[in-house]
Each structure stands twice: as C-alpha cells, then as structure tokens.
Amino acid sequence: MIFRPELLDRLEDIEPRQFSGVVFRHVLGESAPLGANTRGARWNPPDVSALYTSLDRDTAIAEGDFILSLQQVRPSVTRWIVQIQVTLQRVMEVDEVTLQELGVSRDVLEALDHTSCSEIGGAVHWLGLEGLIVPSARWPGQNLVIYIGHQDPDGVFEVVGRELL
C-alpha cells in the first residue's frame, strides 16, 4: 500500500510511547481470545493482522454490542470480556484533534466506511509501531489496536482473566 506523504509526515511527528496495562476484549463463544483480525476493519487494512482491544471494560462491551447489532440474526453464543496484560514499547496515540487533522471527523470515525481509518492504521503498521490508541467510535473511551508481528521481544502479551457477560 502506498501512503500519502502528508499522512506519514504527520504521523512521524507523533512520538511513540510505551504502554503497559490490562486491556479488555469482547470475544464471542470459543473464539481465540488472542485471535487477530486479518480481513481488515476500522484500523487495519486487509492482510494487516490486528488485535482490537479497549482500555476499559465498558468500551469493550460497547464495541461488542455494536458488532452484534449489525448482524441480521443475533448469534446465540456466549459473550466474554477477556482481560489481556500487555506491555508494548512503541505505541502511537491519536486523539480526536489529531484525527481531524488527518481528515477523520467524528462522523467519519463513526461511519461504516473504514477507508480513512484503515489508511491511518496501515500507515502506523508500515512505520513499524506495535499499536495504535484511538478514540472509540461507540463509547467515550479508547481502543488499543495491536499490530501482531511488531511486538518487541521483551513485550508482554497474555490473557489474565475472562468474564462471562
């Protein structure tokens, strides 16, 4: 994928930081808690492996509720909130002001067309960063998108809890 030079320039102005803590993930049924999305979604273009997590439980639930609301027939499987201990060395955080500068308004963030957001996520992945912290489109919280394969060897990435919803 080729990225706009102005997008890469703006992203390179943001200093990556370390992130360490417990994040939350909504999981259906027996799906793998650490199973990455490779089909493409809001913050990852197709063929970029990403694990979508939230920085708090309520945001993870809101994200899961939204995904389920899009289904024509609601799946009758168990729902879990999985807690994952994560330590990443190079994470980029973008707030709504920065997203606006990158051409992603709140309306674009909440839209079902993920083109603008996945371009940003693809560029962050291309820059070799481990993760991207972004505002949730569904709740007043933040999500951490972890780009699989970019983890530092000293990083931590393990399931530490699981709660049935």
N, C-alpha and C. Protein backbone atom coordinates (compact mmCIF):
# COMPACT_ATOMS: atom_id res chain seq x y z
N MET A 1 0.85 -1.18 0.00
CA MET A 1 0.00 0.00 0.00
C MET A 1 0.89 1.24 0.00
N ILE A 2 0.53 2.21 -0.76
CA ILE A 2 1.25 3.48 -0.82
C ILE A 2 0.49 4.50 0.01
N PHE A 3 1.21 5.21 0.88
CA PHE A 3 0.58 6.16 1.79
C PHE A 3 0.90 7.58 1.37
N ARG A 4 -0.06 8.46 1.61
CA ARG A 4 0.14 9.87 1.30
C ARG A 4 1.31 10.41 2.13
N PRO A 5 2.23 11.14 1.49
CA PRO A 5 3.39 11.68 2.22
C PRO A 5 2.97 12.56 3.40
N GLU A 6 1.91 13.36 3.24
CA GLU A 6 1.48 14.24 4.34
C GLU A 6 0.96 13.43 5.52
N LEU A 7 0.36 12.28 5.26
CA LEU A 7 -0.09 11.40 6.35
C LEU A 7 1.12 10.85 7.10
N LEU A 8 2.07 10.33 6.37
CA LEU A 8 3.27 9.79 7.01
C LEU A 8 4.03 10.87 7.77
N ASP A 9 4.15 12.07 7.19
CA ASP A 9 4.84 13.16 7.86
C ASP A 9 4.16 13.51 9.19
N ARG A 10 2.83 13.60 9.17
CA ARG A 10 2.09 13.96 10.40
C ARG A 10 2.23 12.86 11.45
N LEU A 11 2.13 11.60 11.02
CA LEU A 11 2.26 10.50 11.98
C LEU A 11 3.67 10.44 12.56
N GLU A 12 4.66 10.73 11.76
CA GLU A 12 6.04 10.70 12.26
C GLU A 12 6.32 11.82 13.26
N ASP A 13 5.46 12.85 13.28
CA ASP A 13 5.58 13.93 14.27
C ASP A 13 5.11 13.49 15.66
N ILE A 14 4.36 12.39 15.72
CA ILE A 14 3.82 11.92 17.00
C ILE A 14 4.84 10.96 17.62
N GLU A 15 5.27 11.28 18.80
CA GLU A 15 6.27 10.46 19.49
C GLU A 15 5.62 9.19 20.04
N PRO A 16 6.07 8.02 19.61
CA PRO A 16 5.53 6.77 20.18
C PRO A 16 5.88 6.69 21.66
N ARG A 17 5.07 5.95 22.39
CA ARG A 17 5.32 5.78 23.82
C ARG A 17 5.15 4.33 24.21
N GLN A 18 5.54 4.02 25.41
CA GLN A 18 5.34 2.68 25.95
C GLN A 18 3.92 2.59 26.48
N PHE A 19 3.35 1.41 26.41
CA PHE A 19 2.06 1.15 27.03
C PHE A 19 2.19 -0.14 27.82
N SER A 20 1.75 -0.09 29.07
CA SER A 20 1.74 -1.28 29.90
C SER A 20 0.46 -1.25 30.73
N GLY A 21 -0.30 -2.33 30.68
CA GLY A 21 -1.52 -2.40 31.47
C GLY A 21 -2.41 -3.53 31.00
N VAL A 22 -3.55 -3.61 31.62
CA VAL A 22 -4.56 -4.61 31.25
C VAL A 22 -5.53 -3.96 30.29
N VAL A 23 -5.78 -4.63 29.18
CA VAL A 23 -6.76 -4.17 28.21
C VAL A 23 -7.88 -5.21 28.15
N PHE A 24 -8.99 -4.82 27.53
CA PHE A 24 -10.20 -5.65 27.53
C PHE A 24 -10.61 -5.96 26.10
N ARG A 25 -11.11 -7.17 25.91
CA ARG A 25 -11.52 -7.58 24.57
C ARG A 25 -12.82 -8.35 24.64
N HIS A 26 -13.76 -8.00 23.78
CA HIS A 26 -15.03 -8.70 23.66
C HIS A 26 -14.82 -9.89 22.75
N VAL A 27 -15.19 -11.09 23.22
CA VAL A 27 -14.98 -12.32 22.45
C VAL A 27 -16.29 -13.11 22.45
N LEU A 28 -16.61 -13.67 21.31
CA LEU A 28 -17.82 -14.50 21.18
C LEU A 28 -17.47 -15.98 21.24
N GLY A 29 -18.28 -16.73 22.00
CA GLY A 29 -18.17 -18.18 22.04
C GLY A 29 -16.78 -18.67 22.37
N GLU A 30 -16.31 -19.59 21.55
CA GLU A 30 -14.99 -20.20 21.76
C GLU A 30 -13.91 -19.56 20.89
N SER A 31 -14.17 -18.37 20.37
CA SER A 31 -13.17 -17.68 19.57
C SER A 31 -11.89 -17.49 20.39
N ALA A 32 -10.77 -17.54 19.70
CA ALA A 32 -9.48 -17.38 20.38
C ALA A 32 -9.36 -15.97 20.94
N PRO A 33 -9.10 -15.84 22.24
CA PRO A 33 -9.00 -14.51 22.84
C PRO A 33 -7.91 -13.63 22.22
N LEU A 34 -6.88 -14.27 21.67
CA LEU A 34 -5.79 -13.51 21.06
C LEU A 34 -5.80 -13.66 19.54
N GLY A 35 -6.94 -14.05 19.00
CA GLY A 35 -7.06 -14.20 17.55
C GLY A 35 -7.14 -12.84 16.86
N ALA A 36 -6.26 -12.64 15.91
CA ALA A 36 -6.18 -11.34 15.23
C ALA A 36 -7.12 -11.27 14.04
N ASN A 37 -7.50 -10.05 13.70
CA ASN A 37 -8.28 -9.77 12.51
C ASN A 37 -7.31 -9.57 11.35
N THR A 38 -7.47 -10.35 10.30
CA THR A 38 -6.62 -10.19 9.11
C THR A 38 -7.44 -9.82 7.88
N ARG A 39 -8.75 -9.72 8.04
CA ARG A 39 -9.64 -9.40 6.92
C ARG A 39 -9.72 -7.90 6.65
N GLY A 40 -9.30 -7.13 7.63
CA GLY A 40 -9.44 -5.68 7.52
C GLY A 40 -10.62 -5.21 8.35
N ALA A 41 -10.45 -4.08 8.99
CA ALA A 41 -11.50 -3.48 9.80
C ALA A 41 -11.18 -1.99 9.91
N ARG A 42 -11.72 -1.34 10.92
CA ARG A 42 -11.58 0.11 11.01
C ARG A 42 -10.12 0.56 10.97
N TRP A 43 -9.25 -0.07 11.75
CA TRP A 43 -7.87 0.42 11.88
C TRP A 43 -6.83 -0.51 11.28
N ASN A 44 -7.25 -1.48 10.48
CA ASN A 44 -6.28 -2.33 9.78
C ASN A 44 -6.79 -2.68 8.40
N PRO A 45 -5.98 -2.40 7.38
CA PRO A 45 -6.35 -2.82 6.04
C PRO A 45 -6.26 -4.35 5.94
N PRO A 46 -6.87 -4.94 4.92
CA PRO A 46 -6.75 -6.40 4.75
C PRO A 46 -5.29 -6.83 4.73
N ASP A 47 -5.03 -7.99 5.28
CA ASP A 47 -3.70 -8.60 5.36
C ASP A 47 -2.77 -7.96 6.39
N VAL A 48 -3.26 -7.01 7.17
CA VAL A 48 -2.50 -6.50 8.31
C VAL A 48 -3.17 -7.08 9.55
N SER A 49 -2.45 -7.92 10.29
CA SER A 49 -3.01 -8.58 11.47
C SER A 49 -3.12 -7.60 12.63
N ALA A 50 -4.31 -7.50 13.18
CA ALA A 50 -4.55 -6.58 14.29
C ALA A 50 -5.46 -7.21 15.33
N LEU A 51 -5.13 -6.97 16.58
CA LEU A 51 -5.95 -7.41 17.69
C LEU A 51 -6.61 -6.17 18.27
N TYR A 52 -7.93 -6.14 18.25
CA TYR A 52 -8.68 -4.99 18.75
C TYR A 52 -8.98 -5.17 20.23
N THR A 53 -8.55 -4.20 21.03
CA THR A 53 -8.80 -4.21 22.47
C THR A 53 -9.27 -2.82 22.89
N SER A 54 -9.75 -2.74 24.11
CA SER A 54 -10.19 -1.46 24.67
C SER A 54 -9.46 -1.21 25.98
N LEU A 55 -9.29 0.05 26.32
CA LEU A 55 -8.58 0.39 27.55
C LEU A 55 -9.46 0.24 28.79
N ASP A 56 -10.77 0.08 28.60
CA ASP A 56 -11.64 -0.17 29.74
C ASP A 56 -12.75 -1.14 29.34
N ARG A 57 -13.32 -1.78 30.33
CA ARG A 57 -14.34 -2.82 30.15
C ARG A 57 -15.57 -2.29 29.42
N ASP A 58 -16.09 -1.12 29.81
CA ASP A 58 -17.31 -0.59 29.22
C ASP A 58 -17.15 -0.31 27.73
N THR A 59 -15.98 0.16 27.34
CA THR A 59 -15.73 0.41 25.92
C THR A 59 -15.73 -0.91 25.16
N ALA A 60 -15.10 -1.94 25.71
CA ALA A 60 -15.09 -3.26 25.05
C ALA A 60 -16.51 -3.79 24.88
N ILE A 61 -17.34 -3.62 25.88
CA ILE A 61 -18.74 -4.08 25.79
C ILE A 61 -19.48 -3.29 24.73
N ALA A 62 -19.32 -1.97 24.70
CA ALA A 62 -19.99 -1.13 23.71
C ALA A 62 -19.56 -1.52 22.29
N GLU A 63 -18.27 -1.79 22.10
CA GLU A 63 -17.79 -2.21 20.78
C GLU A 63 -18.42 -3.54 20.39
N GLY A 64 -18.47 -4.48 21.32
CA GLY A 64 -19.10 -5.78 21.05
C GLY A 64 -20.58 -5.65 20.76
N ASP A 65 -21.28 -4.82 21.54
CA ASP A 65 -22.72 -4.60 21.32
C ASP A 65 -22.97 -4.07 19.91
N PHE A 66 -22.12 -3.15 19.46
CA PHE A 66 -22.30 -2.58 18.13
C PHE A 66 -22.12 -3.64 17.06
N ILE A 67 -21.07 -4.44 17.16
CA ILE A 67 -20.84 -5.51 16.17
C ILE A 67 -22.04 -6.44 16.12
N LEU A 68 -22.57 -6.81 17.28
CA LEU A 68 -23.74 -7.69 17.31
C LEU A 68 -24.97 -7.02 16.71
N SER A 69 -25.10 -5.72 16.88
CA SER A 69 -26.27 -5.02 16.34
C SER A 69 -26.30 -5.02 14.82
N LEU A 70 -25.16 -5.24 14.19
CA LEU A 70 -25.08 -5.27 12.73
C LEU A 70 -25.51 -6.60 12.14
N GLN A 71 -25.62 -7.63 12.98
CA GLN A 71 -25.98 -8.96 12.49
C GLN A 71 -27.47 -9.05 12.22
N GLN A 72 -27.83 -9.65 11.10
CA GLN A 72 -29.25 -9.82 10.79
C GLN A 72 -29.92 -10.74 11.80
N VAL A 73 -29.20 -11.77 12.20
CA VAL A 73 -29.68 -12.67 13.24
C VAL A 73 -28.62 -12.66 14.34
N ARG A 74 -29.03 -12.28 15.51
CA ARG A 74 -28.06 -12.19 16.62
C ARG A 74 -27.56 -13.58 16.99
N PRO A 75 -26.26 -13.79 17.01
CA PRO A 75 -25.72 -15.11 17.35
C PRO A 75 -26.11 -15.50 18.78
N SER A 76 -26.42 -16.78 18.97
CA SER A 76 -26.78 -17.26 20.30
C SER A 76 -25.59 -17.99 20.92
N VAL A 77 -24.50 -17.26 21.06
CA VAL A 77 -23.29 -17.80 21.68
C VAL A 77 -22.98 -17.00 22.94
N THR A 78 -22.12 -17.56 23.75
CA THR A 78 -21.73 -16.84 24.96
C THR A 78 -20.84 -15.66 24.58
N ARG A 79 -20.90 -14.67 25.43
CA ARG A 79 -20.07 -13.47 25.25
C ARG A 79 -19.13 -13.37 26.43
N TRP A 80 -17.89 -13.05 26.13
CA TRP A 80 -16.86 -12.93 27.14
C TRP A 80 -16.19 -11.56 27.06
N ILE A 81 -15.75 -11.08 28.20
CA ILE A 81 -14.80 -9.98 28.23
C ILE A 81 -13.51 -10.60 28.75
N VAL A 82 -12.49 -10.53 27.93
CA VAL A 82 -11.19 -11.10 28.26
C VAL A 82 -10.25 -9.97 28.65
N GLN A 83 -9.52 -10.18 29.73
CA GLN A 83 -8.51 -9.21 30.15
C GLN A 83 -7.15 -9.72 29.67
N ILE A 84 -6.39 -8.82 29.05
CA ILE A 84 -5.09 -9.17 28.49
C ILE A 84 -4.05 -8.21 29.07
N GLN A 85 -3.02 -8.78 29.68
CA GLN A 85 -1.90 -7.97 30.16
C GLN A 85 -1.00 -7.69 28.96
N VAL A 86 -0.72 -6.41 28.74
CA VAL A 86 0.05 -6.01 27.57
C VAL A 86 1.17 -5.06 28.01
N THR A 87 2.35 -5.28 27.47
CA THR A 87 3.44 -4.30 27.57
C THR A 87 3.99 -4.13 26.16
N LEU A 88 3.86 -2.94 25.64
CA LEU A 88 4.33 -2.61 24.29
C LEU A 88 5.28 -1.43 24.40
N GLN A 89 6.30 -1.42 23.57
CA GLN A 89 7.33 -0.38 23.64
C GLN A 89 7.04 0.81 22.74
N ARG A 90 6.39 0.57 21.59
CA ARG A 90 6.20 1.63 20.58
C ARG A 90 4.73 1.70 20.17
N VAL A 91 3.99 2.54 20.89
CA VAL A 91 2.56 2.72 20.63
C VAL A 91 2.31 4.19 20.29
N MET A 92 1.52 4.41 19.26
CA MET A 92 1.14 5.78 18.89
C MET A 92 -0.26 6.04 19.42
N GLU A 93 -0.44 7.21 20.00
CA GLU A 93 -1.76 7.61 20.49
C GLU A 93 -2.23 8.81 19.70
N VAL A 94 -3.42 8.72 19.15
CA VAL A 94 -4.00 9.86 18.44
C VAL A 94 -5.35 10.19 19.07
N ASP A 95 -5.57 11.46 19.29
CA ASP A 95 -6.83 11.92 19.85
C ASP A 95 -7.72 12.44 18.72
N GLU A 96 -8.90 12.93 19.09
CA GLU A 96 -9.83 13.40 18.06
C GLU A 96 -9.31 14.62 17.31
N VAL A 97 -8.55 15.47 17.96
CA VAL A 97 -7.99 16.65 17.29
C VAL A 97 -7.01 16.19 16.20
N THR A 98 -6.14 15.26 16.54
CA THR A 98 -5.18 14.74 15.56
C THR A 98 -5.91 14.02 14.43
N LEU A 99 -6.94 13.25 14.77
CA LEU A 99 -7.72 12.58 13.72
C LEU A 99 -8.34 13.60 12.77
N GLN A 100 -8.84 14.71 13.31
CA GLN A 100 -9.40 15.77 12.46
C GLN A 100 -8.34 16.28 11.50
N GLU A 101 -7.12 16.50 12.02
CA GLU A 101 -6.02 16.96 11.17
C GLU A 101 -5.71 15.97 10.06
N LEU A 102 -5.95 14.69 10.34
CA LEU A 102 -5.70 13.63 9.36
C LEU A 102 -6.91 13.37 8.45
N GLY A 103 -7.95 14.16 8.62
CA GLY A 103 -9.13 14.04 7.76
C GLY A 103 -10.21 13.12 8.29
N VAL A 104 -10.14 12.76 9.58
CA VAL A 104 -11.13 11.86 10.16
C VAL A 104 -11.93 12.63 11.21
N SER A 105 -13.10 13.12 10.79
CA SER A 105 -14.01 13.80 11.71
C SER A 105 -14.73 12.74 12.56
N ARG A 106 -15.48 13.18 13.53
CA ARG A 106 -16.26 12.24 14.36
C ARG A 106 -17.24 11.46 13.48
N ASP A 107 -17.86 12.12 12.49
CA ASP A 107 -18.78 11.42 11.59
C ASP A 107 -18.07 10.33 10.80
N VAL A 108 -16.87 10.62 10.33
CA VAL A 108 -16.09 9.62 9.59
C VAL A 108 -15.68 8.48 10.52
N LEU A 109 -15.30 8.82 11.75
CA LEU A 109 -14.92 7.80 12.73
C LEU A 109 -16.07 6.84 12.99
N GLU A 110 -17.28 7.35 13.07
CA GLU A 110 -18.44 6.52 13.39
C GLU A 110 -19.05 5.82 12.17
N ALA A 111 -18.63 6.18 10.98
CA ALA A 111 -19.21 5.62 9.76
C ALA A 111 -18.83 4.15 9.58
N LEU A 112 -19.61 3.46 8.77
CA LEU A 112 -19.31 2.06 8.47
C LEU A 112 -18.24 1.93 7.39
N ASP A 113 -17.96 3.00 6.67
CA ASP A 113 -16.87 3.01 5.69
C ASP A 113 -15.58 3.29 6.44
N HIS A 114 -14.68 2.32 6.46
CA HIS A 114 -13.46 2.42 7.26
C HIS A 114 -12.24 2.87 6.46
N THR A 115 -12.43 3.32 5.25
CA THR A 115 -11.32 3.62 4.35
C THR A 115 -10.30 4.58 4.97
N SER A 116 -10.75 5.72 5.48
CA SER A 116 -9.83 6.72 6.03
C SER A 116 -9.11 6.20 7.27
N CYS A 117 -9.84 5.52 8.14
CA CYS A 117 -9.24 5.00 9.37
C CYS A 117 -8.25 3.88 9.06
N SER A 118 -8.61 2.98 8.14
CA SER A 118 -7.70 1.87 7.85
C SER A 118 -6.43 2.36 7.14
N GLU A 119 -6.52 3.48 6.43
CA GLU A 119 -5.32 4.05 5.84
C GLU A 119 -4.37 4.52 6.95
N ILE A 120 -4.91 5.15 7.98
CA ILE A 120 -4.09 5.59 9.10
C ILE A 120 -3.48 4.38 9.80
N GLY A 121 -4.30 3.38 10.10
CA GLY A 121 -3.79 2.17 10.75
C GLY A 121 -2.74 1.47 9.91
N GLY A 122 -2.97 1.40 8.61
CA GLY A 122 -1.99 0.79 7.72
C GLY A 122 -0.67 1.53 7.74
N ALA A 123 -0.73 2.85 7.79
CA ALA A 123 0.48 3.67 7.84
C ALA A 123 1.21 3.47 9.17
N VAL A 124 0.47 3.39 10.27
CA VAL A 124 1.08 3.15 11.58
C VAL A 124 1.78 1.78 11.57
N HIS A 125 1.13 0.78 11.01
CA HIS A 125 1.73 -0.54 10.87
C HIS A 125 2.98 -0.47 10.00
N TRP A 126 2.89 0.22 8.89
CA TRP A 126 4.02 0.35 7.96
C TRP A 126 5.21 1.02 8.63
N LEU A 127 4.94 1.95 9.55
CA LEU A 127 6.00 2.63 10.29
C LEU A 127 6.64 1.71 11.33
N GLY A 128 6.11 0.51 11.50
CA GLY A 128 6.70 -0.47 12.40
C GLY A 128 6.29 -0.37 13.84
N LEU A 129 5.20 0.35 14.13
CA LEU A 129 4.75 0.50 15.51
C LEU A 129 3.95 -0.72 15.95
N GLU A 130 3.95 -0.95 17.25
CA GLU A 130 3.27 -2.12 17.81
C GLU A 130 1.78 -1.91 18.00
N GLY A 131 1.38 -0.66 18.17
CA GLY A 131 -0.02 -0.43 18.46
C GLY A 131 -0.44 1.01 18.20
N LEU A 132 -1.76 1.20 18.24
CA LEU A 132 -2.37 2.49 17.99
C LEU A 132 -3.50 2.68 18.99
N ILE A 133 -3.43 3.74 19.80
CA ILE A 133 -4.52 4.09 20.72
C ILE A 133 -5.35 5.15 20.04
N VAL A 134 -6.66 4.87 19.93
CA VAL A 134 -7.58 5.75 19.23
C VAL A 134 -8.88 5.90 20.02
N PRO A 135 -9.62 6.98 19.78
CA PRO A 135 -10.93 7.11 20.40
C PRO A 135 -11.87 6.02 19.88
N SER A 136 -12.72 5.52 20.75
CA SER A 136 -13.74 4.56 20.33
C SER A 136 -14.80 5.28 19.50
N ALA A 137 -15.30 4.61 18.49
CA ALA A 137 -16.39 5.15 17.69
C ALA A 137 -17.74 4.91 18.37
N ARG A 138 -17.75 4.08 19.40
CA ARG A 138 -19.02 3.64 20.00
C ARG A 138 -19.24 4.06 21.44
N TRP A 139 -18.20 4.57 22.10
CA TRP A 139 -18.29 4.86 23.53
C TRP A 139 -17.25 5.92 23.86
N PRO A 140 -17.42 6.69 24.91
CA PRO A 140 -16.42 7.72 25.23
C PRO A 140 -15.16 7.15 25.89
N GLY A 141 -14.60 6.13 25.30
CA GLY A 141 -13.37 5.51 25.79
C GLY A 141 -12.36 5.42 24.67
N GLN A 142 -11.32 4.65 24.90
CA GLN A 142 -10.27 4.48 23.90
C GLN A 142 -10.04 3.01 23.62
N ASN A 143 -9.61 2.74 22.39
CA ASN A 143 -9.23 1.39 21.98
C ASN A 143 -7.74 1.34 21.73
N LEU A 144 -7.18 0.17 21.96
CA LEU A 144 -5.78 -0.10 21.61
C LEU A 144 -5.81 -1.18 20.53
N VAL A 145 -5.35 -0.81 19.35
CA VAL A 145 -5.23 -1.76 18.25
C VAL A 145 -3.78 -2.23 18.25
N ILE A 146 -3.59 -3.53 18.41
CA ILE A 146 -2.25 -4.10 18.49
C ILE A 146 -1.93 -4.77 17.16
N TYR A 147 -0.84 -4.34 16.53
CA TYR A 147 -0.44 -4.90 15.24
C TYR A 147 0.45 -6.11 15.49
N ILE A 148 -0.10 -7.27 15.23
CA ILE A 148 0.57 -8.54 15.51
C ILE A 148 1.81 -8.67 14.61
N GLY A 149 2.87 -9.15 15.22
CA GLY A 149 4.12 -9.33 14.48
C GLY A 149 5.10 -8.19 14.68
N HIS A 150 4.66 -7.13 15.33
CA HIS A 150 5.54 -5.99 15.57
C HIS A 150 5.97 -5.89 17.03
N GLN A 151 5.63 -6.91 17.84
CA GLN A 151 5.91 -6.82 19.27
C GLN A 151 7.41 -6.92 19.54
N ASP A 152 7.84 -6.10 20.49
CA ASP A 152 9.21 -6.14 20.99
C ASP A 152 9.42 -7.48 21.70
N PRO A 153 10.59 -8.09 21.58
CA PRO A 153 10.84 -9.38 22.24
C PRO A 153 10.65 -9.34 23.76
N ASP A 154 10.81 -8.17 24.37
CA ASP A 154 10.63 -8.04 25.81
C ASP A 154 9.19 -7.70 26.20
N GLY A 155 8.32 -7.62 25.22
CA GLY A 155 6.93 -7.26 25.49
C GLY A 155 6.17 -8.36 26.20
N VAL A 156 5.04 -7.99 26.78
CA VAL A 156 4.16 -8.93 27.47
C VAL A 156 2.83 -8.93 26.73
N PHE A 157 2.27 -10.12 26.59
CA PHE A 157 1.03 -10.26 25.83
C PHE A 157 0.36 -11.55 26.27
N GLU A 158 -0.45 -11.49 27.36
CA GLU A 158 -1.05 -12.73 27.85
C GLU A 158 -2.42 -12.49 28.47
N VAL A 159 -3.28 -13.47 28.30
CA VAL A 159 -4.62 -13.43 28.89
C VAL A 159 -4.48 -13.63 30.39
N VAL A 160 -5.10 -12.72 31.17
CA VAL A 160 -5.01 -12.81 32.62
C VAL A 160 -6.37 -12.94 33.29
N GLY A 161 -7.44 -12.89 32.52
CA GLY A 161 -8.77 -13.04 33.09
C GLY A 161 -9.83 -13.17 32.03
N ARG A 162 -10.98 -13.69 32.44
CA ARG A 162 -12.08 -13.89 31.49
C ARG A 162 -13.38 -13.80 32.28
N GLU A 163 -14.30 -13.00 31.79
CA GLU A 163 -15.58 -12.77 32.47
C GLU A 163 -16.71 -13.06 31.51
N LEU A 164 -17.66 -13.88 31.95
CA LEU A 164 -18.84 -14.18 31.16
C LEU A 164 -19.82 -13.01 31.26
N LEU A 165 -20.32 -12.56 30.12
CA LEU A 165 -21.32 -11.47 30.14
C LEU A 165 -22.72 -12.04 30.19
